[in-house]
Amino acid sequence: ERRNKFQIILDILSLLQRKGGKIKPTHILYGGNLSYNRLKKYLKELEDKGLIQQIQEKEKTFYSITDKGLNFLSEARKIKEITDAFGL
């Protein structure tokens, strides 16, 4: 079954939270099971909305979840629990 946009965003934010801090884009690519083009699209959108931030260290790029992203993730999980409970 294909994931919808909400599920993919939830997967990316959950991965960032689980890794506790910063993570390389390739780890998000594999962990989120996304193509490179879809990964770029989602990372840009999440960054534009302030849910994640890009960090540059020694010419390497990392991403981390922001406080806004953690709040979104918490609320999104509640919504998912409700929809799952009702079989939606």
C-alpha atoms as a PDB file:
ATOM      1  CA  GLU A   1       0.000   0.000   0.000  1.00  0.00           C
ATOM      2  CA  ARG A   2       1.337   3.397  -0.993  1.00  0.00           C
ATOM      3  CA  ARG A   3       1.941   6.008   1.668  1.00  0.00           C
ATOM      4  CA  ASN A   4       0.257   9.373   1.437  1.00  0.00           C
ATOM      5  CA  LYS A   5       2.000  12.707   1.994  1.00  0.00           C
ATOM      6  CA  PHE A   6       0.996  12.798   5.675  1.00  0.00           C
ATOM      7  CA  GLN A   7       2.500   9.345   6.312  1.00  0.00           C
ATOM      8  CA  ILE A   8       5.753  10.245   4.536  1.00  0.00           C
ATOM      9  CA  ILE A   9       6.128  13.463   6.552  1.00  0.00           C
ATOM     10  CA  LEU A  10       5.403  11.508   9.726  1.00  0.00           C
ATOM     11  CA  ASP A  11       8.064   8.934   8.756  1.00  0.00           C
ATOM     12  CA  ILE A  12      10.700  11.616   8.076  1.00  0.00           C
ATOM     13  CA  LEU A  13      10.023  13.528  11.304  1.00  0.00           C
ATOM     14  CA  SER A  14       9.918  10.307  13.342  1.00  0.00           C
ATOM     15  CA  LEU A  15      13.262   9.254  11.895  1.00  0.00           C
ATOM     16  CA  LEU A  16      14.808  12.609  12.805  1.00  0.00           C
ATOM     17  CA  GLN A  17      13.415  12.367  16.323  1.00  0.00           C
ATOM     18  CA  ARG A  18      14.611   8.778  16.814  1.00  0.00           C
ATOM     19  CA  LYS A  19      18.124   9.670  15.706  1.00  0.00           C
ATOM     20  CA  GLY A  20      18.171  12.376  18.376  1.00  0.00           C
ATOM     21  CA  GLY A  21      19.764  15.331  16.707  1.00  0.00           C
ATOM     22  CA  LYS A  22      21.267  15.661  13.314  1.00  0.00           C
ATOM     23  CA  ILE A  23      21.149  13.175  10.497  1.00  0.00           C
ATOM     24  CA  LYS A  24      22.568  13.075   6.978  1.00  0.00           C
ATOM     25  CA  PRO A  25      20.157  13.324   4.041  1.00  0.00           C
ATOM     26  CA  THR A  26      21.212   9.869   2.811  1.00  0.00           C
ATOM     27  CA  HIS A  27      20.020   8.354   6.102  1.00  0.00           C
ATOM     28  CA  ILE A  28      16.656  10.056   5.599  1.00  0.00           C
ATOM     29  CA  LEU A  29      16.611   8.781   2.014  1.00  0.00           C
ATOM     30  CA  TYR A  30      17.056   5.156   3.084  1.00  0.00           C
ATOM     31  CA  GLY A  31      15.117   5.357   6.352  1.00  0.00           C
ATOM     32  CA  GLY A  32      12.198   7.093   4.676  1.00  0.00           C
ATOM     33  CA  ASN A  33      12.338   4.780   1.657  1.00  0.00           C
ATOM     34  CA  LEU A  34      12.216   7.710  -0.784  1.00  0.00           C
ATOM     35  CA  SER A  35      13.689   8.483  -4.166  1.00  0.00           C
ATOM     36  CA  TYR A  36      16.243  11.293  -4.294  1.00  0.00           C
ATOM     37  CA  ASN A  37      13.838  13.673  -6.072  1.00  0.00           C
ATOM     38  CA  ARG A  38      11.023  13.035  -3.606  1.00  0.00           C
ATOM     39  CA  LEU A  39      13.451  13.435  -0.706  1.00  0.00           C
ATOM     40  CA  LYS A  40      14.550  16.871  -1.974  1.00  0.00           C
ATOM     41  CA  LYS A  41      10.924  17.946  -2.379  1.00  0.00           C
ATOM     42  CA  TYR A  42       9.931  16.858   1.144  1.00  0.00           C
ATOM     43  CA  LEU A  43      13.051  18.289   2.822  1.00  0.00           C
ATOM     44  CA  LYS A  44      12.492  21.656   1.146  1.00  0.00           C
ATOM     45  CA  GLU A  45       8.834  21.760   2.150  1.00  0.00           C
ATOM     46  CA  LEU A  46       9.540  20.730   5.753  1.00  0.00           C
ATOM     47  CA  GLU A  47      12.339  23.287   5.992  1.00  0.00           C
ATOM     48  CA  ASP A  48      10.165  26.048   4.466  1.00  0.00           C
ATOM     49  CA  LYS A  49       7.484  25.308   7.067  1.00  0.00           C
ATOM     50  CA  GLY A  50      10.014  25.402   9.910  1.00  0.00           C
ATOM     51  CA  LEU A  51       9.618  21.740  10.904  1.00  0.00           C
ATOM     52  CA  ILE A  52      13.247  20.848  10.193  1.00  0.00           C
ATOM     53  CA  GLN A  53      16.454  22.800   9.758  1.00  0.00           C
ATOM     54  CA  GLN A  54      19.497  22.292   7.610  1.00  0.00           C
ATOM     55  CA  ILE A  55      22.884  22.337   9.328  1.00  0.00           C
ATOM     56  CA  GLN A  56      26.213  22.744   7.503  1.00  0.00           C
ATOM     57  CA  GLU A  57      29.320  21.321   9.161  1.00  0.00           C
ATOM     58  CA  LYS A  58      32.659  21.058   7.400  1.00  0.00           C
ATOM     59  CA  GLU A  59      31.073  20.991   3.928  1.00  0.00           C
ATOM     60  CA  LYS A  60      28.596  18.291   5.021  1.00  0.00           C
ATOM     61  CA  THR A  61      24.854  18.744   5.227  1.00  0.00           C
ATOM     62  CA  PHE A  62      22.729  17.473   8.093  1.00  0.00           C
ATOM     63  CA  TYR A  63      19.084  17.925   9.061  1.00  0.00           C
ATOM     64  CA  SER A  64      17.507  18.165  12.488  1.00  0.00           C
ATOM     65  CA  ILE A  65      13.941  18.449  13.731  1.00  0.00           C
ATOM     66  CA  THR A  66      12.904  21.790  15.243  1.00  0.00           C
ATOM     67  CA  ASP A  67      10.671  22.383  18.272  1.00  0.00           C
ATOM     68  CA  LYS A  68       7.861  23.206  15.844  1.00  0.00           C
ATOM     69  CA  GLY A  69       8.548  19.880  14.109  1.00  0.00           C
ATOM     70  CA  LEU A  70       8.410  18.005  17.428  1.00  0.00           C
ATOM     71  CA  ASN A  71       5.076  19.654  18.260  1.00  0.00           C
ATOM     72  CA  PHE A  72       3.716  18.774  14.819  1.00  0.00           C
ATOM     73  CA  LEU A  73       4.906  15.183  15.199  1.00  0.00           C
ATOM     74  CA  SER A  74       3.215  14.847  18.580  1.00  0.00           C
ATOM     75  CA  GLU A  75      -0.119  16.174  17.265  1.00  0.00           C
ATOM     76  CA  ALA A  76       0.129  14.126  14.054  1.00  0.00           C
ATOM     77  CA  ARG A  77       0.602  10.935  16.079  1.00  0.00           C
ATOM     78  CA  LYS A  78      -2.585  11.717  18.017  1.00  0.00           C
ATOM     79  CA  ILE A  79      -4.473  12.157  14.744  1.00  0.00           C
ATOM     80  CA  LYS A  80      -3.046   8.881  13.437  1.00  0.00           C
ATOM     81  CA  GLU A  81      -4.118   7.045  16.613  1.00  0.00           C
ATOM     82  CA  ILE A  82      -7.667   8.355  16.241  1.00  0.00           C
ATOM     83  CA  THR A  83      -7.943   7.478  12.557  1.00  0.00           C
ATOM     84  CA  ASP A  84      -6.469   4.028  13.187  1.00  0.00           C
ATOM     85  CA  ALA A  85      -8.890   3.431  16.081  1.00  0.00           C
ATOM     86  CA  PHE A  86     -11.814   4.121  13.738  1.00  0.00           C
ATOM     87  CA  GLY A  87     -10.341   2.122  10.887  1.00  0.00           C
ATOM     88  CA  LEU A  88      -9.889   5.125   8.600  1.00  0.00           C
END
